[in-house]
Amino acid sequence: MLKVCLAIAVILTAYLIGSVNPAIIITKAIYKDDVRNWGSKNAGATNVFRNYNIQTGTIVLVLDVLKGILAIVMAHAAISHFKLSYSMHIEHLCFLAVVLGHCFPVFFEFKGGKAVATAMGCLLILHPLLISIALGVFILVFIKVKIVGVSSVCAALSLIPSYFVVALINSGMNWDFLYILAVVSVIVVTHIKNLKLYLN
């Protein structure tokens, strides 16, 4: 029972890490403003780039990626230290939790970003090959359409077939696919508004 409680605490901690939103914190601290008042109303690096400057946007982007990395490193450390069972499930639940925290931050009225950079940070540790493929897709689509939101959705969706190919090479799928599918679904849903604007 104690280990179950510890596992839940680790997952909740990942959500809280996700809820710390650099875009909101930095724009309020430096510009006495809220990035959610402008552009897409999204609390993420892309909106900061568009409405403030490259330097601030870059800082936010890096911090969002590091947030994802931190959540998974924290999960690894807790699993190792407390000898928690079902390590793969805990790691990937932390993956999902930090993404949900970024999108729906408890510290900022549940109005956050779209979690693409944070998901990328997680995948850099959990599935480095998959994120390499997704980044390639992002770059190719962005060169073609010049729209970050569309490129991000295509990159996220590419994780699904990429996973199947990698799983085939490695002789089998695993439960982690369900968590990846859940995160991809969150990213697609948070981009629906952008996609509608592009299609119209």
C-alpha atoms as a PDB file:
ATOM      1  CA  MET A   1       0.000   0.000   0.000  1.00  0.00           C
ATOM      2  CA  LEU A   2       2.864   2.367   0.846  1.00  0.00           C
ATOM      3  CA  LYS A   3       4.445   1.810  -2.560  1.00  0.00           C
ATOM      4  CA  VAL A   4       1.138   2.493  -4.281  1.00  0.00           C
ATOM      5  CA  CYS A   5       0.878   5.806  -2.415  1.00  0.00           C
ATOM      6  CA  LEU A   6       4.461   6.651  -3.358  1.00  0.00           C
ATOM      7  CA  ALA A   7       3.758   5.888  -7.009  1.00  0.00           C
ATOM      8  CA  ILE A   8       0.697   8.155  -6.936  1.00  0.00           C
ATOM      9  CA  ALA A   9       2.774  10.895  -5.275  1.00  0.00           C
ATOM     10  CA  VAL A  10       5.399  10.618  -8.027  1.00  0.00           C
ATOM     11  CA  ILE A  11       2.748  10.954 -10.743  1.00  0.00           C
ATOM     12  CA  LEU A  12       1.141  13.942  -8.985  1.00  0.00           C
ATOM     13  CA  THR A  13       4.574  15.549  -8.675  1.00  0.00           C
ATOM     14  CA  ALA A  14       5.001  15.201 -12.443  1.00  0.00           C
ATOM     15  CA  TYR A  15       1.666  16.972 -12.915  1.00  0.00           C
ATOM     16  CA  LEU A  16       2.802  19.799 -10.604  1.00  0.00           C
ATOM     17  CA  ILE A  17       6.078  20.110 -12.556  1.00  0.00           C
ATOM     18  CA  GLY A  18       3.980  20.453 -15.699  1.00  0.00           C
ATOM     19  CA  SER A  19       1.837  23.100 -14.035  1.00  0.00           C
ATOM     20  CA  VAL A  20       4.837  25.409 -13.594  1.00  0.00           C
ATOM     21  CA  ASN A  21       4.442  27.381 -16.818  1.00  0.00           C
ATOM     22  CA  PRO A  22       7.536  29.375 -17.919  1.00  0.00           C
ATOM     23  CA  ALA A  23       5.619  31.361 -20.555  1.00  0.00           C
ATOM     24  CA  ILE A  24       3.221  32.795 -17.968  1.00  0.00           C
ATOM     25  CA  ILE A  25       5.817  33.269 -15.232  1.00  0.00           C
ATOM     26  CA  ILE A  26       8.412  34.964 -17.449  1.00  0.00           C
ATOM     27  CA  THR A  27       6.023  37.301 -19.280  1.00  0.00           C
ATOM     28  CA  LYS A  28       4.492  38.375 -15.984  1.00  0.00           C
ATOM     29  CA  ALA A  29       7.891  38.857 -14.333  1.00  0.00           C
ATOM     30  CA  ILE A  30       9.623  40.693 -17.198  1.00  0.00           C
ATOM     31  CA  TYR A  31       6.813  42.425 -19.076  1.00  0.00           C
ATOM     32  CA  LYS A  32       4.173  42.705 -16.335  1.00  0.00           C
ATOM     33  CA  ASP A  33       1.887  41.017 -18.820  1.00  0.00           C
ATOM     34  CA  ASP A  34       0.269  37.634 -19.472  1.00  0.00           C
ATOM     35  CA  VAL A  35       1.081  35.888 -22.739  1.00  0.00           C
ATOM     36  CA  ARG A  36      -2.455  34.457 -22.660  1.00  0.00           C
ATOM     37  CA  ASN A  37      -3.791  37.932 -23.462  1.00  0.00           C
ATOM     38  CA  TRP A  38      -2.269  37.905 -26.930  1.00  0.00           C
ATOM     39  CA  GLY A  39      -2.201  36.017 -30.202  1.00  0.00           C
ATOM     40  CA  SER A  40      -3.460  32.453 -29.853  1.00  0.00           C
ATOM     41  CA  LYS A  41      -4.007  32.996 -26.093  1.00  0.00           C
ATOM     42  CA  ASN A  42      -1.730  29.985 -25.643  1.00  0.00           C
ATOM     43  CA  ALA A  43       0.821  29.875 -22.815  1.00  0.00           C
ATOM     44  CA  GLY A  44       3.628  28.363 -24.832  1.00  0.00           C
ATOM     45  CA  ALA A  45       6.885  29.183 -26.561  1.00  0.00           C
ATOM     46  CA  THR A  46       5.367  29.798 -30.014  1.00  0.00           C
ATOM     47  CA  ASN A  47       3.040  32.503 -28.720  1.00  0.00           C
ATOM     48  CA  VAL A  48       5.925  34.099 -26.817  1.00  0.00           C
ATOM     49  CA  PHE A  49       8.039  34.132 -29.997  1.00  0.00           C
ATOM     50  CA  ARG A  50       5.225  35.810 -31.914  1.00  0.00           C
ATOM     51  CA  ASN A  51       4.255  38.443 -29.347  1.00  0.00           C
ATOM     52  CA  TYR A  52       7.500  39.262 -27.508  1.00  0.00           C
ATOM     53  CA  ASN A  53      10.911  38.394 -28.930  1.00  0.00           C
ATOM     54  CA  ILE A  54      13.207  35.566 -29.987  1.00  0.00           C
ATOM     55  CA  GLN A  55      15.262  35.652 -26.780  1.00  0.00           C
ATOM     56  CA  THR A  56      12.274  35.240 -24.460  1.00  0.00           C
ATOM     57  CA  GLY A  57      10.714  32.632 -26.722  1.00  0.00           C
ATOM     58  CA  THR A  58      13.923  30.620 -26.758  1.00  0.00           C
ATOM     59  CA  ILE A  59      14.160  30.677 -22.967  1.00  0.00           C
ATOM     60  CA  VAL A  60      10.561  29.487 -22.654  1.00  0.00           C
ATOM     61  CA  LEU A  61      11.120  26.746 -25.229  1.00  0.00           C
ATOM     62  CA  VAL A  62      14.202  25.431 -23.450  1.00  0.00           C
ATOM     63  CA  LEU A  63      12.478  25.509 -20.059  1.00  0.00           C
ATOM     64  CA  ASP A  64       9.440  23.677 -21.432  1.00  0.00           C
ATOM     65  CA  VAL A  65      11.675  20.927 -22.807  1.00  0.00           C
ATOM     66  CA  LEU A  66      13.622  20.748 -19.543  1.00  0.00           C
ATOM     67  CA  LYS A  67      10.347  20.439 -17.660  1.00  0.00           C
ATOM     68  CA  GLY A  68       9.583  17.224 -19.520  1.00  0.00           C
ATOM     69  CA  ILE A  69      13.090  15.914 -18.918  1.00  0.00           C
ATOM     70  CA  LEU A  70      12.848  16.760 -15.213  1.00  0.00           C
ATOM     71  CA  ALA A  71       9.571  14.860 -14.818  1.00  0.00           C
ATOM     72  CA  ILE A  72      11.043  11.662 -16.273  1.00  0.00           C
ATOM     73  CA  VAL A  73      14.352  11.984 -14.409  1.00  0.00           C
ATOM     74  CA  MET A  74      12.355  12.485 -11.204  1.00  0.00           C
ATOM     75  CA  ALA A  75      10.305   9.378 -11.993  1.00  0.00           C
ATOM     76  CA  HIS A  76      13.441   7.317 -12.664  1.00  0.00           C
ATOM     77  CA  ALA A  77      15.017   8.478  -9.410  1.00  0.00           C
ATOM     78  CA  ALA A  78      11.891   7.725  -7.354  1.00  0.00           C
ATOM     79  CA  ILE A  79      11.438   4.290  -8.931  1.00  0.00           C
ATOM     80  CA  SER A  80      15.058   3.416  -8.214  1.00  0.00           C
ATOM     81  CA  HIS A  81      15.165   4.863  -4.689  1.00  0.00           C
ATOM     82  CA  PHE A  82      11.860   3.431  -3.483  1.00  0.00           C
ATOM     83  CA  LYS A  83      12.151   0.244  -5.589  1.00  0.00           C
ATOM     84  CA  LEU A  84       8.709   0.798  -7.065  1.00  0.00           C
ATOM     85  CA  SER A  85       7.076  -1.891  -9.196  1.00  0.00           C
ATOM     86  CA  TYR A  86       5.597  -1.345 -12.662  1.00  0.00           C
ATOM     87  CA  SER A  87       8.334   1.143 -13.500  1.00  0.00           C
ATOM     88  CA  MET A  88       7.347   1.473 -17.176  1.00  0.00           C
ATOM     89  CA  HIS A  89       3.762   2.387 -16.235  1.00  0.00           C
ATOM     90  CA  ILE A  90       4.902   4.938 -13.648  1.00  0.00           C
ATOM     91  CA  GLU A  91       7.351   6.560 -16.092  1.00  0.00           C
ATOM     92  CA  HIS A  92       4.739   6.863 -18.808  1.00  0.00           C
ATOM     93  CA  LEU A  93       2.007   8.017 -16.420  1.00  0.00           C
ATOM     94  CA  CYS A  94       4.451  10.768 -15.404  1.00  0.00           C
ATOM     95  CA  PHE A  95       4.862  11.510 -19.118  1.00  0.00           C
ATOM     96  CA  LEU A  96       1.102  11.932 -19.462  1.00  0.00           C
ATOM     97  CA  ALA A  97       0.827  13.834 -16.151  1.00  0.00           C
ATOM     98  CA  VAL A  98       3.460  16.456 -16.984  1.00  0.00           C
ATOM     99  CA  VAL A  99       1.816  17.025 -20.381  1.00  0.00           C
ATOM    100  CA  LEU A 100      -1.606  17.466 -18.749  1.00  0.00           C
ATOM    101  CA  GLY A 101      -0.033  19.774 -16.172  1.00  0.00           C
ATOM    102  CA  HIS A 102       1.339  21.973 -18.930  1.00  0.00           C
ATOM    103  CA  CYS A 103      -2.005  22.079 -20.750  1.00  0.00           C
ATOM    104  CA  PHE A 104      -4.139  22.463 -17.616  1.00  0.00           C
ATOM    105  CA  PRO A 105      -1.918  23.999 -14.910  1.00  0.00           C
ATOM    106  CA  VAL A 106      -3.394  24.000 -11.436  1.00  0.00           C
ATOM    107  CA  PHE A 107      -1.363  27.156 -10.604  1.00  0.00           C
ATOM    108  CA  PHE A 108      -2.812  29.168 -13.519  1.00  0.00           C
ATOM    109  CA  GLU A 109      -6.564  28.511 -13.615  1.00  0.00           C
ATOM    110  CA  PHE A 110      -6.054  25.384 -15.753  1.00  0.00           C
ATOM    111  CA  LYS A 111      -5.241  27.555 -18.795  1.00  0.00           C
ATOM    112  CA  GLY A 112      -1.850  26.564 -20.144  1.00  0.00           C
ATOM    113  CA  GLY A 113      -0.098  25.625 -23.351  1.00  0.00           C
ATOM    114  CA  LYS A 114      -0.199  22.799 -25.865  1.00  0.00           C
ATOM    115  CA  ALA A 115       2.674  20.772 -24.347  1.00  0.00           C
ATOM    116  CA  VAL A 116       4.571  19.952 -27.557  1.00  0.00           C
ATOM    117  CA  ALA A 117       7.953  21.013 -26.157  1.00  0.00           C
ATOM    118  CA  THR A 118       7.276  19.353 -22.801  1.00  0.00           C
ATOM    119  CA  ALA A 119       6.296  16.094 -24.521  1.00  0.00           C
ATOM    120  CA  MET A 120       9.479  16.338 -26.562  1.00  0.00           C
ATOM    121  CA  GLY A 121      11.527  16.606 -23.370  1.00  0.00           C
ATOM    122  CA  CYS A 122       9.929  13.428 -22.039  1.00  0.00           C
ATOM    123  CA  LEU A 123      10.453  11.535 -25.274  1.00  0.00           C
ATOM    124  CA  LEU A 124      14.115  12.531 -25.429  1.00  0.00           C
ATOM    125  CA  ILE A 125      14.610  10.174 -22.482  1.00  0.00           C
ATOM    126  CA  LEU A 126      11.824   7.624 -22.958  1.00  0.00           C
ATOM    127  CA  HIS A 127      11.908   7.176 -26.738  1.00  0.00           C
ATOM    128  CA  PRO A 128      14.831   9.067 -28.336  1.00  0.00           C
ATOM    129  CA  LEU A 129      14.426   7.374 -31.720  1.00  0.00           C
ATOM    130  CA  LEU A 130      10.744   8.304 -31.921  1.00  0.00           C
ATOM    131  CA  ILE A 131      11.406  11.948 -31.103  1.00  0.00           C
ATOM    132  CA  SER A 132      14.154  12.063 -33.730  1.00  0.00           C
ATOM    133  CA  ILE A 133      11.657  10.915 -36.361  1.00  0.00           C
ATOM    134  CA  ALA A 134       9.007  13.349 -35.103  1.00  0.00           C
ATOM    135  CA  LEU A 135      11.447  16.264 -35.268  1.00  0.00           C
ATOM    136  CA  GLY A 136      12.273  15.322 -38.843  1.00  0.00           C
ATOM    137  CA  VAL A 137       8.560  15.325 -39.704  1.00  0.00           C
ATOM    138  CA  PHE A 138       8.093  18.684 -37.970  1.00  0.00           C
ATOM    139  CA  ILE A 139      10.901  20.281 -39.993  1.00  0.00           C
ATOM    140  CA  LEU A 140       9.672  18.886 -43.319  1.00  0.00           C
ATOM    141  CA  VAL A 141       6.069  19.983 -42.727  1.00  0.00           C
ATOM    142  CA  PHE A 142       7.117  23.416 -41.445  1.00  0.00           C
ATOM    143  CA  ILE A 143       9.226  24.009 -44.558  1.00  0.00           C
ATOM    144  CA  LYS A 144       6.119  23.250 -46.608  1.00  0.00           C
ATOM    145  CA  VAL A 145       3.317  25.048 -44.712  1.00  0.00           C
ATOM    146  CA  LYS A 146       5.205  27.505 -42.439  1.00  0.00           C
ATOM    147  CA  ILE A 147       2.698  26.935 -39.607  1.00  0.00           C
ATOM    148  CA  VAL A 148       3.994  25.697 -36.246  1.00  0.00           C
ATOM    149  CA  GLY A 149       0.640  24.278 -35.072  1.00  0.00           C
ATOM    150  CA  VAL A 150       0.098  22.148 -38.173  1.00  0.00           C
ATOM    151  CA  SER A 151       3.723  20.998 -38.099  1.00  0.00           C
ATOM    152  CA  SER A 152       3.396  20.075 -34.412  1.00  0.00           C
ATOM    153  CA  VAL A 153       0.258  17.993 -35.011  1.00  0.00           C
ATOM    154  CA  CYS A 154       1.870  16.159 -37.929  1.00  0.00           C
ATOM    155  CA  ALA A 155       4.956  15.477 -35.810  1.00  0.00           C
ATOM    156  CA  ALA A 156       2.805  14.185 -32.954  1.00  0.00           C
ATOM    157  CA  LEU A 157       0.769  11.949 -35.262  1.00  0.00           C
ATOM    158  CA  SER A 158       3.977  10.559 -36.770  1.00  0.00           C
ATOM    159  CA  LEU A 159       4.764   9.006 -33.379  1.00  0.00           C
ATOM    160  CA  ILE A 160       2.066   6.377 -33.955  1.00  0.00           C
ATOM    161  CA  PRO A 161       3.357   4.775 -37.174  1.00  0.00           C
ATOM    162  CA  SER A 162       6.929   5.320 -35.999  1.00  0.00           C
ATOM    163  CA  TYR A 163       6.186   3.354 -32.857  1.00  0.00           C
ATOM    164  CA  PHE A 164       4.811   0.445 -34.888  1.00  0.00           C
ATOM    165  CA  VAL A 165       7.924   0.364 -37.079  1.00  0.00           C
ATOM    166  CA  VAL A 166      10.278   0.471 -34.080  1.00  0.00           C
ATOM    167  CA  ALA A 167       8.190  -2.155 -32.262  1.00  0.00           C
ATOM    168  CA  LEU A 168       8.351  -4.401 -35.326  1.00  0.00           C
ATOM    169  CA  ILE A 169      12.132  -4.095 -35.405  1.00  0.00           C
ATOM    170  CA  ASN A 170      12.324  -4.764 -31.654  1.00  0.00           C
ATOM    171  CA  SER A 171       9.973  -7.756 -31.878  1.00  0.00           C
ATOM    172  CA  GLY A 172       6.841  -6.541 -30.201  1.00  0.00           C
ATOM    173  CA  MET A 173       4.662  -3.754 -28.860  1.00  0.00           C
ATOM    174  CA  ASN A 174       4.331  -2.779 -25.234  1.00  0.00           C
ATOM    175  CA  TRP A 175       1.910  -0.945 -22.958  1.00  0.00           C
ATOM    176  CA  ASP A 176       3.859   2.267 -23.528  1.00  0.00           C
ATOM    177  CA  PHE A 177       2.049   2.656 -26.861  1.00  0.00           C
ATOM    178  CA  LEU A 178      -1.196   3.450 -25.028  1.00  0.00           C
ATOM    179  CA  TYR A 179       0.473   6.292 -23.128  1.00  0.00           C
ATOM    180  CA  ILE A 180       2.006   7.673 -26.312  1.00  0.00           C
ATOM    181  CA  LEU A 181      -1.423   7.483 -27.967  1.00  0.00           C
ATOM    182  CA  ALA A 182      -2.948   9.371 -25.023  1.00  0.00           C
ATOM    183  CA  VAL A 183      -0.341  12.146 -25.235  1.00  0.00           C
ATOM    184  CA  VAL A 184      -0.750  12.420 -29.008  1.00  0.00           C
ATOM    185  CA  SER A 185      -4.514  12.743 -28.464  1.00  0.00           C
ATOM    186  CA  VAL A 186      -3.996  15.579 -25.960  1.00  0.00           C
ATOM    187  CA  ILE A 187      -1.708  17.433 -28.383  1.00  0.00           C
ATOM    188  CA  VAL A 188      -4.144  17.035 -31.290  1.00  0.00           C
ATOM    189  CA  VAL A 189      -7.131  18.172 -29.204  1.00  0.00           C
ATOM    190  CA  THR A 190      -5.316  21.279 -27.947  1.00  0.00           C
ATOM    191  CA  HIS A 191      -4.476  22.177 -31.557  1.00  0.00           C
ATOM    192  CA  ILE A 192      -8.007  21.806 -32.953  1.00  0.00           C
ATOM    193  CA  LYS A 193      -8.564  25.586 -33.007  1.00  0.00           C
ATOM    194  CA  ASN A 194      -5.340  26.111 -34.966  1.00  0.00           C
ATOM    195  CA  LEU A 195      -6.240  23.365 -37.427  1.00  0.00           C
ATOM    196  CA  LYS A 196      -9.685  24.875 -38.066  1.00  0.00           C
ATOM    197  CA  LEU A 197      -8.109  28.266 -38.831  1.00  0.00           C
ATOM    198  CA  TYR A 198      -5.670  26.624 -41.233  1.00  0.00           C
ATOM    199  CA  LEU A 199      -8.377  24.617 -43.026  1.00  0.00           C
ATOM    200  CA  ASN A 200     -10.571  27.701 -43.382  1.00  0.00           C
END
